[in-house]
């Protein structure tokens, strides 16, 4: 199984990403992009996408970016992240871009950036630093 197939298979098992209608749009070595469309059910009281929804998608993008560089027989688990909310998340769709900063045997540090897209405008709305842990496979399933 290729790295991309492994990442896509694991992503497909995530109930929250399915609930958010998030989809993988790019998988490369140390990099993953995840998109989702605006949905008022994901908004907060002012009509912006809720920070929790956007943070969850960005966390997944970072985790899967880390997984692309991990051995085939392991899984990934978030152990820490810090988020800066830069601007209200107003847009038609959103893209979360996760990138590996440094991959280690046990811990991998990632950076993530999320953008709101409205027409041709792309606005940086969230930035994240995340630490991912390499985890032995669980119940016979890696990823």
Protein backbone atom coordinates (compact mmCIF):
# COMPACT_ATOMS: atom_id res chain seq x y z
CA UNK A 1 0.00 0.00 0.00
CA UNK A 2 1.38 3.43 -0.91
CA UNK A 3 1.73 6.21 1.65
CA UNK A 4 -1.14 8.10 0.02
CA UNK A 5 -3.39 5.03 0.07
CA UNK A 6 -2.56 4.48 3.74
CA UNK A 7 -3.33 8.09 4.64
CA UNK A 8 -6.58 8.05 2.66
CA UNK A 9 -7.69 4.76 4.25
CA UNK A 10 -7.04 6.11 7.75
CA UNK A 11 -8.75 9.43 6.97
CA UNK A 12 -11.81 7.54 5.71
CA UNK A 13 -12.17 5.94 9.17
CA UNK A 14 -12.48 9.33 10.91
CA UNK A 15 -16.09 9.92 11.88
CA UNK A 16 -15.53 13.57 12.74
CA UNK A 17 -14.00 14.39 9.36
CA UNK A 18 -17.00 12.69 7.68
CA UNK A 19 -19.37 14.69 9.89
CA UNK A 20 -17.61 17.91 8.85
CA UNK A 21 -17.66 16.78 5.18
CA UNK A 22 -13.89 17.32 5.09
CA UNK A 23 -11.93 15.75 2.27
CA UNK A 24 -8.27 15.12 1.56
CA UNK A 25 -7.20 17.17 -1.44
CA UNK A 26 -3.43 16.74 -1.32
CA UNK A 27 -1.11 14.12 0.14
CA UNK A 28 2.66 14.46 -0.33
CA UNK A 29 5.69 13.54 1.71
CA UNK A 30 5.38 15.57 4.93
CA UNK A 31 2.40 17.57 3.62
CA UNK A 32 -1.38 17.16 3.66
CA UNK A 33 -4.20 19.54 2.69
CA UNK A 34 -7.80 19.04 3.81
CA UNK A 35 -10.77 21.08 2.54
CA UNK A 36 -14.32 21.55 3.69
CA UNK A 37 -17.18 23.83 2.67
CA UNK A 38 -19.00 26.38 4.77
CA UNK A 39 -21.98 24.85 6.55
CA UNK A 40 -24.08 26.91 8.95
CA UNK A 41 -24.26 23.87 11.27
CA UNK A 42 -20.51 24.39 11.84
CA UNK A 43 -20.85 28.10 12.61
CA UNK A 44 -20.75 30.01 15.85
CA UNK A 45 -23.16 32.75 16.94
CA UNK A 46 -21.72 35.41 14.59
CA UNK A 47 -21.96 33.21 11.49
CA UNK A 48 -18.24 32.35 11.20
CA UNK A 49 -16.99 28.76 11.13
CA UNK A 50 -16.49 27.70 14.73
CA UNK A 51 -12.85 27.63 15.83
CA UNK A 52 -13.34 24.09 17.14
CA UNK A 53 -14.35 22.78 13.72
CA UNK A 54 -11.49 24.52 11.95
CA UNK A 55 -9.00 23.42 14.61
CA UNK A 56 -10.14 19.80 14.31
CA UNK A 57 -9.56 19.80 10.55
CA UNK A 58 -6.18 21.50 10.93
CA UNK A 59 -5.17 18.97 13.61
CA UNK A 60 -6.03 16.16 11.18
CA UNK A 61 -4.03 17.79 8.39
CA UNK A 62 -0.99 18.02 10.66
CA UNK A 63 -1.43 14.46 11.92
CA UNK A 64 -1.65 13.02 8.45
CA UNK A 65 1.33 15.08 7.28
CA UNK A 66 3.28 13.41 10.12
CA UNK A 67 1.94 9.97 9.20
CA UNK A 68 3.34 10.30 5.66
CA UNK A 69 6.85 10.15 7.15
CA UNK A 70 6.23 7.37 9.69
CA UNK A 71 6.90 3.65 9.20
CA UNK A 72 4.08 1.66 7.61
CA UNK A 73 3.24 -0.38 10.72
CA UNK A 74 2.56 2.51 13.12
CA UNK A 75 -0.19 5.00 13.85
CA UNK A 76 -0.18 8.69 14.73
CA UNK A 77 -1.66 10.46 17.73
CA UNK A 78 -1.74 14.16 18.60
CA UNK A 79 -0.09 14.91 21.93
CA UNK A 80 -0.14 18.71 21.89
CA UNK A 81 -1.10 21.71 19.78
CA UNK A 82 -1.22 25.47 20.02
CA UNK A 83 -3.57 27.52 17.89
CA UNK A 84 -3.59 31.20 16.98
CA UNK A 85 -6.86 32.49 15.57
CA UNK A 86 -5.78 35.24 13.18
CA UNK A 87 -9.07 36.40 11.68
CA UNK A 88 -12.76 35.44 11.67
CA UNK A 89 -13.29 32.31 9.59
CA UNK A 90 -15.68 33.72 7.00
CA UNK A 91 -15.70 32.10 3.59
CA UNK A 92 -17.32 29.72 1.15
CA UNK A 93 -14.79 27.00 1.87
CA UNK A 94 -11.72 26.37 3.97
CA UNK A 95 -8.41 24.60 3.43
CA UNK A 96 -6.18 23.31 6.22
CA UNK A 97 -2.55 22.71 5.28
CA UNK A 98 -0.38 20.55 7.54
CA UNK A 99 3.41 20.43 7.10
CA UNK A 100 6.11 18.55 8.98
CA UNK A 101 8.73 20.81 10.54
CA UNK A 102 10.83 18.00 12.01
CA UNK A 103 10.19 14.27 12.07
CA UNK A 104 11.70 12.23 14.89
CA UNK A 105 11.44 8.56 15.85
CA UNK A 106 8.81 9.22 18.53
CA UNK A 107 7.72 12.84 18.15
CA UNK A 108 7.07 14.85 15.01
CA UNK A 109 6.55 18.62 15.07
CA UNK A 110 4.21 20.10 12.48
CA UNK A 111 2.95 23.49 11.47
CA UNK A 112 -0.49 24.10 10.12
CA UNK A 113 -2.21 26.97 8.42
CA UNK A 114 -5.89 27.31 7.59
CA UNK A 115 -7.32 29.63 4.98
CA UNK A 116 -10.83 30.89 4.30
CA UNK A 117 -11.69 31.04 0.62
CA UNK A 118 -14.28 33.46 -0.74
CA UNK A 119 -14.36 33.73 -4.53
CA UNK A 120 -10.75 34.25 -5.57
CA UNK A 121 -9.68 35.61 -2.17
CA UNK A 122 -7.72 33.37 0.20
CA UNK A 123 -7.43 34.69 3.77
CA UNK A 124 -5.13 33.22 6.44
CA UNK A 125 -7.36 32.60 9.49
CA UNK A 126 -5.59 30.07 11.75
CA UNK A 127 -2.04 28.93 12.42
CA UNK A 128 -1.08 25.91 14.50
CA UNK A 129 1.99 24.25 15.91
CA UNK A 130 1.38 20.58 16.74
CA UNK A 131 3.32 17.65 18.15
CA UNK A 132 2.43 14.18 16.93
CA UNK A 133 3.47 10.89 18.50
CA UNK A 134 4.38 7.71 16.67
CA UNK A 135 2.16 5.03 18.15
CA UNK A 136 2.33 1.27 17.71
CA UNK A 137 -0.56 -0.08 15.64
CA UNK A 138 -3.86 -0.45 17.51
CA UNK A 139 -6.08 -3.46 17.01
CA UNK A 140 -4.02 -4.50 14.02
CA UNK A 141 -4.68 -1.22 12.18
CA UNK A 142 -1.96 1.31 11.48
CA UNK A 143 -2.76 4.93 10.77
